[in-house]
Amino acid sequence: MYGRELVDLRKESRWEFLNTLFSVSEAVAYMQMVDRLDDGTIAAQLGPLDYKGLYKAVGRALFRAHVEGQLKSEIMSKPELFVTPDPELPLALLDQKEAGKKLLLITNSDYHYTDKMMQHSFNRFLPNDMGWRDLFDIVIVSARKPEFFQMSHPMYEVVTGEGLMRPCFKAKTGGLYSGGSAQMVENSLNIHGDEILYVGDHIYTDVSQSKVHLRWRTALICRELEEEFSALIHSRGHRASLVELINQKEVVGDLFNQLRLASQRRTKGRPAQTLAATNLDDHELSESMQKLLIVMQRLDQKIAPMLEADGELFNKRWGFLSRAGFWDKSHLMRQIEKYADIYTSRVSNFLHYTPFMYFRSQEQTLAHDSYSYYCSRFNGSAVDDEVDFMLYKCIFGCKYCSSRPC
């Protein structure tokens, strides 16, 4: 939209960043209300609103729906309509607990909602009449994340099933608490920093804040990875064909640039970089450049629609979640790489490994790695011979223009 103009979004008050799935409902509600604002059908009692004021009004309405319990009451009444349990999740956590790990549940939800959801999702899959509370050494509800990681709020112990509480200053194993802070958790367990792995599904509230303020190790849960991974697998043929065409264009483009440089040097009486280009007369040089331009145009005609279609198996409008265009990473993916030590689609994936597994990151490739690999296969003179051969092949007959020379 802005071409080559650099737009600093951090200093632009008109922008709002909706970079998590929790923002989807807010965005959809706002879009619908924008249509009503444009049509003049918003109730007069809301007062005069511009687009920014409307966005704030939508945010306040959604916040009230959460705080006043309307949304959660409906979910609690029929959890089977809203929650799809993962039978392997409790077993994955049980392996970790039996291996000597201390497990904590830290949630912003209140006790009644947490208990209802955990009973529905956990209890039937645990062995020997275990309940979900038996899995966790400490449970903290109403945590008020992300403030939980930065500030110190009072901690209360939940002492009855009805949710009655009393003040306390230190969490104990087996306890159920409300509020508090991450610092209280560290002091209660006598562990700090990278001794703790925090698992969450919100890139800001869970992962970035615990990493930035406490240096905890972090794991991000992103369920959409499963659908994206499936789409990537089914797109392998398409992407492989696209990469081949792009590589072909790079080869042809490099040959064209060699001839262009040869033409430039010839005007100054200097030889070209390659022997094949040096041996061409002016007419052959000009004709070869024109034919190479035609080849690149034909390749562009094939590449453009394939680039447009890339990612449609995941989302027809936006493409892949983890990619921006064909080569680059999306903003979300860069955030994940920056703040998450590990990421996966669901906690139960840990069941496929032992609880003693040490996960190491893959080797990080750099821009010059591919060049060093290429140079390990060819010495300097061989590289020059390879370029000469490709130029000769393109001038005197190649696969891009049927049986005729380029």
Protein backbone atom coordinates (compact mmCIF):
# COMPACT_ATOMS: atom_id res chain seq x y z
CA MET A 1 0.00 0.00 0.00
CA TYR A 2 2.80 2.41 0.92
CA GLY A 3 5.36 1.19 -1.60
CA ARG A 4 8.84 2.08 -0.42
CA GLU A 5 7.65 4.47 2.28
CA LEU A 6 8.58 3.35 5.81
CA VAL A 7 5.66 3.54 8.25
CA ASP A 8 6.54 3.46 11.96
CA LEU A 9 3.47 1.83 13.46
CA ARG A 10 4.74 2.34 17.01
CA LYS A 11 4.14 6.08 16.73
CA GLU A 12 0.84 5.92 14.90
CA SER A 13 -2.13 6.23 17.27
CA ARG A 14 -4.58 5.04 14.61
CA TRP A 15 -3.22 1.49 14.70
CA GLU A 16 -4.28 -1.28 17.08
CA PHE A 17 -2.34 -4.54 17.12
CA LEU A 18 -4.55 -7.62 17.06
CA ASN A 19 -1.89 -10.31 16.99
CA THR A 20 -3.48 -13.14 18.99
CA LEU A 21 -6.55 -15.29 18.48
CA PHE A 22 -8.11 -13.73 21.58
CA SER A 23 -8.54 -10.61 19.47
CA VAL A 24 -10.63 -12.33 16.79
CA SER A 25 -13.96 -11.80 18.57
CA GLU A 26 -13.06 -8.16 19.22
CA ALA A 27 -12.14 -7.59 15.57
CA VAL A 28 -15.31 -9.25 14.24
CA ALA A 29 -17.56 -7.32 16.64
CA TYR A 30 -15.80 -4.07 15.71
CA MET A 31 -16.20 -4.68 11.97
CA GLN A 32 -19.92 -5.28 12.40
CA MET A 33 -20.29 -2.13 14.48
CA VAL A 34 -18.37 -0.08 11.90
CA ASP A 35 -21.00 -1.07 9.33
CA ARG A 36 -23.73 0.11 11.71
CA LEU A 37 -21.85 3.34 12.43
CA ASP A 38 -21.54 4.02 8.70
CA ASP A 39 -25.26 3.27 8.24
CA GLY A 40 -26.23 5.55 11.15
CA THR A 41 -28.03 2.72 12.97
CA ILE A 42 -26.15 2.83 16.30
CA ALA A 43 -28.42 3.70 19.23
CA ALA A 44 -28.39 7.40 20.09
CA GLN A 45 -27.83 6.72 23.80
CA LEU A 46 -24.29 5.61 23.03
CA GLY A 47 -23.53 9.20 22.11
CA PRO A 48 -21.57 10.53 19.13
CA LEU A 49 -18.80 8.08 18.20
CA ASP A 50 -15.91 8.13 15.79
CA TYR A 51 -14.08 4.95 14.77
CA LYS A 52 -11.62 5.15 17.65
CA GLY A 53 -14.36 5.74 20.19
CA LEU A 54 -16.34 2.85 18.72
CA TYR A 55 -13.35 0.54 19.10
CA LYS A 56 -13.03 1.47 22.77
CA ALA A 57 -16.77 0.93 23.29
CA VAL A 58 -16.57 -2.55 21.79
CA GLY A 59 -13.60 -3.37 23.99
CA ARG A 60 -15.46 -2.23 27.11
CA ALA A 61 -18.52 -4.31 26.19
CA LEU A 62 -16.45 -7.46 25.71
CA PHE A 63 -14.59 -6.79 28.95
CA ARG A 64 -17.88 -6.51 30.85
CA ALA A 65 -19.11 -9.75 29.31
CA HIS A 66 -16.06 -11.49 30.79
CA VAL A 67 -15.94 -9.72 34.16
CA GLU A 68 -19.66 -9.96 34.90
CA GLY A 69 -19.62 -13.68 34.14
CA GLN A 70 -22.23 -13.78 31.39
CA LEU A 71 -19.98 -15.59 28.94
CA LYS A 72 -18.51 -18.00 31.47
CA SER A 73 -21.93 -18.84 32.94
CA GLU A 74 -23.11 -20.01 29.53
CA ILE A 75 -19.97 -22.08 28.99
CA MET A 76 -20.23 -23.66 32.45
CA SER A 77 -23.82 -24.70 31.83
CA LYS A 78 -22.88 -26.80 28.79
CA PRO A 79 -19.08 -27.23 28.65
CA GLU A 80 -19.35 -30.01 26.07
CA LEU A 81 -20.49 -27.43 23.50
CA PHE A 82 -17.41 -25.26 23.96
CA VAL A 83 -14.57 -27.51 25.14
CA THR A 84 -13.07 -30.43 23.22
CA PRO A 85 -11.10 -32.48 25.79
CA ASP A 86 -7.72 -33.96 24.92
CA PRO A 87 -7.57 -37.40 26.60
CA GLU A 88 -3.76 -37.45 26.41
CA LEU A 89 -3.26 -34.08 28.14
CA PRO A 90 -3.78 -35.31 31.75
CA LEU A 91 -1.54 -38.32 31.07
CA ALA A 92 1.25 -36.12 29.70
CA LEU A 93 1.14 -34.03 32.88
CA LEU A 94 0.97 -37.16 35.03
CA ASP A 95 4.23 -38.42 33.49
CA GLN A 96 5.87 -35.10 34.35
CA LYS A 97 4.60 -35.19 37.94
CA GLU A 98 5.69 -38.79 38.51
CA ALA A 99 9.13 -37.87 37.15
CA GLY A 100 9.53 -35.44 40.05
CA LYS A 101 8.50 -32.21 38.34
CA LYS A 102 6.42 -29.69 40.31
CA LEU A 103 3.31 -28.70 38.38
CA LEU A 104 1.47 -25.40 38.85
CA LEU A 105 -1.76 -24.13 37.33
CA ILE A 106 -1.90 -20.33 37.04
CA THR A 107 -5.06 -18.93 35.48
CA ASN A 108 -6.92 -15.64 35.30
CA SER A 109 -10.25 -17.45 35.67
CA ASP A 110 -12.05 -17.59 39.01
CA TYR A 111 -12.19 -20.76 41.11
CA HIS A 112 -15.70 -21.91 40.15
CA TYR A 113 -15.07 -21.63 36.41
CA THR A 114 -11.64 -23.26 36.70
CA ASP A 115 -12.97 -26.18 38.73
CA LYS A 116 -15.84 -26.80 36.29
CA MET A 117 -13.61 -26.72 33.21
CA MET A 118 -10.87 -28.85 34.74
CA GLN A 119 -13.30 -31.48 35.97
CA HIS A 120 -14.80 -31.70 32.49
CA SER A 121 -11.41 -31.84 30.74
CA PHE A 122 -9.30 -33.92 33.15
CA ASN A 123 -11.04 -36.10 35.72
CA ARG A 124 -12.43 -38.83 33.44
CA PHE A 125 -9.01 -39.43 31.84
CA LEU A 126 -6.99 -39.79 35.06
CA PRO A 127 -6.32 -43.23 36.58
CA ASN A 128 -7.14 -44.54 40.05
CA ASP A 129 -9.90 -42.05 40.83
CA MET A 130 -7.49 -39.12 40.66
CA GLY A 131 -8.91 -35.64 40.32
CA TRP A 132 -7.41 -32.69 38.50
CA ARG A 133 -6.27 -31.13 41.77
CA ASP A 134 -4.07 -34.18 42.42
CA LEU A 135 -1.93 -33.28 39.40
CA PHE A 136 -0.88 -29.85 40.57
CA ASP A 137 1.32 -28.92 43.51
CA ILE A 138 -0.08 -25.39 43.56
CA VAL A 139 -3.17 -23.90 41.88
CA ILE A 140 -3.54 -20.13 41.51
CA VAL A 141 -6.81 -18.64 40.22
CA SER A 142 -7.71 -15.00 39.49
CA ALA A 143 -4.01 -14.42 38.82
CA ARG A 144 -4.52 -11.16 36.87
CA LYS A 145 -1.88 -11.90 34.24
CA PRO A 146 0.12 -10.12 32.86
CA GLU A 147 0.29 -8.03 36.08
CA PHE A 148 0.99 -11.30 37.89
CA PHE A 149 4.48 -11.33 36.37
CA GLN A 150 5.29 -7.69 37.12
CA MET A 151 3.50 -6.57 40.28
CA SER A 152 2.88 -7.93 43.77
CA HIS A 153 -0.81 -8.40 44.60
CA PRO A 154 -2.17 -9.85 47.86
CA MET A 155 -2.52 -13.64 47.93
CA TYR A 156 -5.51 -15.42 49.41
CA GLU A 157 -5.96 -19.10 50.16
CA VAL A 158 -9.24 -20.60 48.91
CA VAL A 159 -10.38 -22.68 51.92
CA THR A 160 -13.88 -23.88 50.98
CA GLY A 161 -15.60 -25.34 47.95
CA GLU A 162 -17.78 -22.24 47.82
CA GLY A 163 -14.69 -20.12 47.27
CA LEU A 164 -14.29 -18.50 50.70
CA MET A 165 -10.75 -17.15 51.17
CA ARG A 166 -8.32 -16.01 53.83
CA PRO A 167 -5.13 -13.94 53.47
CA CYS A 168 -1.79 -15.73 53.27
CA PHE A 169 1.80 -14.81 52.44
CA LYS A 170 3.31 -18.06 51.18
CA ALA A 171 1.97 -20.83 48.99
CA LYS A 172 2.24 -24.43 50.19
CA THR A 173 2.19 -27.70 48.26
CA GLY A 174 -1.37 -28.84 47.60
CA GLY A 175 -2.80 -25.38 48.17
CA LEU A 176 -5.38 -23.46 46.17
CA TYR A 177 -4.82 -19.70 46.02
CA SER A 178 -6.21 -16.55 44.48
CA GLY A 179 -4.12 -13.61 43.28
CA GLY A 180 -0.52 -13.26 44.39
CA SER A 181 2.44 -12.80 42.11
CA ALA A 182 5.14 -14.70 40.24
CA GLN A 183 7.69 -13.60 42.84
CA MET A 184 5.60 -15.31 45.55
CA VAL A 185 5.62 -18.48 43.46
CA GLU A 186 9.41 -18.40 43.14
CA ASN A 187 9.87 -17.78 46.85
CA SER A 188 7.41 -20.51 47.83
CA LEU A 189 9.09 -23.12 45.65
CA ASN A 190 12.61 -21.75 46.15
CA ILE A 191 13.27 -21.88 42.41
CA HIS A 192 13.90 -18.95 40.10
CA GLY A 193 14.41 -17.88 36.50
CA ASP A 194 15.19 -20.58 33.97
CA GLU A 195 14.43 -23.34 36.48
CA ILE A 196 10.76 -22.75 35.62
CA LEU A 197 9.06 -23.64 32.34
CA TYR A 198 5.88 -21.62 31.86
CA VAL A 199 3.39 -23.00 29.34
CA GLY A 200 0.72 -20.73 27.88
CA ASP A 201 -1.28 -19.99 24.73
CA HIS A 202 -1.10 -16.17 24.65
CA ILE A 203 2.02 -14.71 23.09
CA TYR A 204 1.86 -11.52 25.19
CA THR A 205 0.08 -12.32 28.46
CA ASP A 206 1.80 -15.67 28.95
CA VAL A 207 5.00 -15.97 26.99
CA SER A 208 6.60 -12.57 26.45
CA GLN A 209 5.89 -11.19 29.93
CA SER A 210 7.18 -14.20 31.84
CA LYS A 211 10.29 -14.22 29.63
CA VAL A 212 11.03 -10.48 29.79
CA HIS A 213 10.39 -9.85 33.50
CA LEU A 214 11.36 -13.16 35.09
CA ARG A 215 13.57 -14.97 32.57
CA TRP A 216 11.42 -18.07 32.92
CA ARG A 217 11.70 -20.63 30.16
CA THR A 218 8.58 -20.50 28.02
CA ALA A 219 6.48 -22.84 25.89
CA LEU A 220 3.78 -21.49 23.57
CA ILE A 221 0.74 -23.57 22.68
CA CYS A 222 -0.61 -22.74 19.20
CA ARG A 223 -3.34 -25.15 18.10
CA GLU A 224 -3.47 -23.70 14.58
CA LEU A 225 -0.07 -25.25 13.90
CA GLU A 226 -1.73 -28.62 13.25
CA GLU A 227 -3.90 -27.29 10.43
CA GLU A 228 -1.00 -25.27 9.04
CA PHE A 229 1.35 -28.26 9.17
CA SER A 230 -1.20 -30.34 7.27
CA ALA A 231 -1.58 -27.56 4.68
CA LEU A 232 2.21 -27.32 4.29
CA ILE A 233 2.44 -31.07 3.68
CA HIS A 234 -0.24 -30.94 1.00
CA SER A 235 1.47 -27.89 -0.53
CA ARG A 236 4.86 -29.53 -0.91
CA GLY A 237 4.45 -30.25 -4.62
CA HIS A 238 3.19 -26.73 -5.33
CA ARG A 239 6.00 -25.10 -3.32
CA ALA A 240 8.66 -27.35 -4.85
CA SER A 241 7.53 -26.39 -8.35
CA LEU A 242 7.51 -22.73 -7.35
CA VAL A 243 11.03 -22.94 -5.92
CA GLU A 244 12.25 -24.59 -9.12
CA LEU A 245 10.78 -21.79 -11.25
CA ILE A 246 12.28 -19.12 -8.98
CA ASN A 247 15.67 -20.82 -9.17
CA GLN A 248 15.39 -20.96 -12.94
CA LYS A 249 14.64 -17.25 -13.04
CA GLU A 250 17.66 -16.54 -10.84
CA VAL A 251 19.90 -18.47 -13.22
CA VAL A 252 18.50 -16.69 -16.26
CA GLY A 253 18.66 -13.35 -14.44
CA ASP A 254 22.30 -13.93 -13.56
CA LEU A 255 23.10 -14.75 -17.19
CA PHE A 256 21.29 -11.59 -18.30
CA ASN A 257 23.29 -9.53 -15.79
CA GLN A 258 26.52 -11.08 -17.04
CA LEU A 259 25.69 -9.99 -20.58
CA ARG A 260 24.61 -6.56 -19.35
CA LEU A 261 27.93 -6.16 -17.56
CA ALA A 262 29.76 -7.39 -20.66
CA SER A 263 28.00 -4.71 -22.72
CA GLN A 264 28.89 -2.05 -20.17
CA ARG A 265 32.55 -3.07 -20.05
CA ARG A 266 32.75 -3.31 -23.82
CA THR A 267 31.99 0.41 -24.13
CA LYS A 268 35.06 1.04 -21.98
CA GLY A 269 37.23 -1.44 -23.84
CA ARG A 270 37.43 -3.93 -20.99
CA PRO A 271 36.77 -7.71 -21.17
CA ALA A 272 33.67 -9.39 -19.71
CA GLN A 273 33.71 -11.53 -16.58
CA THR A 274 33.19 -14.75 -18.57
CA LEU A 275 34.87 -16.12 -21.69
CA ALA A 276 31.56 -16.90 -23.41
CA ALA A 277 30.34 -13.31 -23.07
CA THR A 278 33.69 -11.93 -24.22
CA ASN A 279 33.53 -13.99 -27.44
CA LEU A 280 30.11 -12.61 -28.45
CA ASP A 281 29.97 -9.80 -30.99
CA ASP A 282 27.73 -6.77 -30.39
CA HIS A 283 24.77 -8.15 -32.33
CA GLU A 284 24.91 -11.54 -30.58
CA LEU A 285 25.21 -9.82 -27.22
CA SER A 286 22.16 -7.62 -27.81
CA GLU A 287 20.09 -10.46 -29.26
CA SER A 288 20.95 -12.80 -26.36
CA MET A 289 19.91 -10.16 -23.83
CA GLN A 290 16.55 -9.68 -25.56
CA LYS A 291 15.90 -13.40 -25.56
CA LEU A 292 16.81 -13.72 -21.89
CA LEU A 293 14.34 -10.93 -21.08
CA ILE A 294 11.62 -12.90 -22.87
CA VAL A 295 12.53 -16.00 -20.85
CA MET A 296 12.28 -14.07 -17.57
CA GLN A 297 8.91 -12.63 -18.59
CA ARG A 298 7.60 -16.13 -19.33
CA LEU A 299 8.86 -17.36 -15.97
CA ASP A 300 7.21 -14.39 -14.22
CA GLN A 301 3.91 -15.29 -15.85
CA LYS A 302 4.15 -18.73 -14.26
CA ILE A 303 5.53 -17.59 -10.91
CA ALA A 304 3.09 -14.77 -10.14
CA PRO A 305 -0.15 -16.83 -9.93
CA MET A 306 1.65 -19.59 -8.02
CA LEU A 307 2.87 -17.06 -5.43
CA GLU A 308 -0.67 -15.73 -5.16
CA ALA A 309 -2.04 -19.23 -4.55
CA ASP A 310 0.60 -20.21 -1.98
CA GLY A 311 -0.98 -20.74 1.44
CA GLU A 312 -4.57 -20.98 0.18
CA LEU A 313 -4.89 -24.46 1.66
CA PHE A 314 -4.59 -22.85 5.11
CA ASN A 315 -6.36 -19.53 4.55
CA LYS A 316 -7.57 -18.25 1.18
CA ARG A 317 -7.15 -14.60 2.16
CA TRP A 318 -4.09 -14.48 4.43
CA GLY A 319 -2.13 -17.62 3.58
CA PHE A 320 -0.01 -19.41 6.15
CA LEU A 321 0.01 -18.29 9.78
CA SER A 322 3.78 -18.57 10.13
CA ARG A 323 4.80 -16.98 6.83
CA ALA A 324 4.69 -13.56 5.22
CA GLY A 325 4.84 -14.14 1.50
CA PHE A 326 6.82 -17.11 0.25
CA TRP A 327 10.19 -16.70 1.97
CA ASP A 328 9.74 -14.51 5.02
CA LYS A 329 8.43 -15.27 8.52
CA SER A 330 5.24 -13.65 9.76
CA HIS A 331 5.24 -11.11 12.59
CA LEU A 332 3.68 -13.73 14.87
CA MET A 333 6.43 -16.22 14.03
CA ARG A 334 9.13 -13.68 14.81
CA GLN A 335 7.48 -13.01 18.16
CA ILE A 336 7.37 -16.74 18.88
CA GLU A 337 11.05 -17.12 18.03
CA LYS A 338 11.93 -14.16 20.23
CA TYR A 339 9.97 -15.08 23.35
CA ALA A 340 9.19 -18.83 23.27
CA ASP A 341 11.91 -21.36 24.03
CA ILE A 342 9.71 -24.05 22.52
CA TYR A 343 6.34 -24.08 20.78
CA THR A 344 3.89 -26.84 19.92
CA SER A 345 0.25 -27.32 19.00
CA ARG A 346 -0.82 -28.94 22.29
CA VAL A 347 0.63 -29.97 25.65
CA SER A 348 -0.15 -33.64 25.01
CA ASN A 349 2.57 -33.67 22.33
CA PHE A 350 5.03 -34.00 25.21
CA LEU A 351 3.58 -37.49 25.74
CA HIS A 352 5.53 -38.61 22.67
CA TYR A 353 8.76 -37.93 24.57
CA THR A 354 9.99 -39.00 27.97
CA PRO A 355 9.66 -36.47 30.81
CA PHE A 356 13.48 -36.47 30.95
CA MET A 357 13.90 -35.20 27.38
CA TYR A 358 16.15 -32.17 26.89
CA PHE A 359 14.96 -30.19 23.88
CA ARG A 360 17.66 -28.46 21.86
CA SER A 361 17.02 -25.88 19.19
CA GLN A 362 17.83 -26.67 15.60
CA GLU A 363 20.94 -25.28 13.99
CA GLN A 364 20.31 -21.68 12.96
CA THR A 365 21.34 -21.12 9.35
CA LEU A 366 22.87 -17.84 8.23
CA ALA A 367 22.80 -16.14 4.86
CA HIS A 368 26.36 -17.18 3.99
CA ASP A 369 25.83 -20.86 4.91
CA SER A 370 24.49 -21.79 1.45
CA TYR A 371 27.46 -20.06 -0.19
CA SER A 372 29.95 -21.92 2.00
CA TYR A 373 28.22 -25.20 1.08
CA TYR A 374 28.45 -24.31 -2.62
CA CYS A 375 32.13 -23.46 -2.31
CA SER A 376 32.79 -26.75 -0.52
CA ARG A 377 31.65 -28.54 -3.69
CA PHE A 378 33.49 -26.38 -6.22
CA ASN A 379 36.88 -24.72 -6.14
CA GLY A 380 37.26 -21.23 -7.57
CA SER A 381 38.15 -22.24 -11.13
CA ALA A 382 35.34 -24.78 -11.24
CA VAL A 383 32.85 -22.06 -10.30
CA ASP A 384 34.02 -19.94 -13.22
CA ASP A 385 33.76 -22.95 -15.54
CA GLU A 386 30.22 -23.58 -14.28
CA VAL A 387 29.16 -19.99 -15.06
CA ASP A 388 30.73 -20.20 -18.53
CA PHE A 389 28.93 -23.47 -19.19
CA MET A 390 25.52 -22.08 -18.17
CA LEU A 391 26.04 -19.00 -20.33
CA TYR A 392 27.10 -21.16 -23.28
CA LYS A 393 24.07 -23.41 -22.79
CA CYS A 394 21.66 -20.48 -22.67
CA ILE A 395 23.13 -18.85 -25.78
CA PHE A 396 23.39 -21.95 -27.94
CA GLY A 397 20.28 -23.88 -26.88
CA CYS A 398 18.43 -24.55 -23.61
CA LYS A 399 15.17 -25.92 -22.20
CA TYR A 400 13.49 -22.51 -21.76
CA CYS A 401 12.80 -21.86 -25.46
CA SER A 402 11.88 -25.33 -26.80
CA SER A 403 14.66 -26.51 -29.13
CA ARG A 404 15.83 -23.07 -30.23
CA PRO A 405 18.64 -21.10 -28.63
CA CYS A 406 17.71 -18.28 -26.26
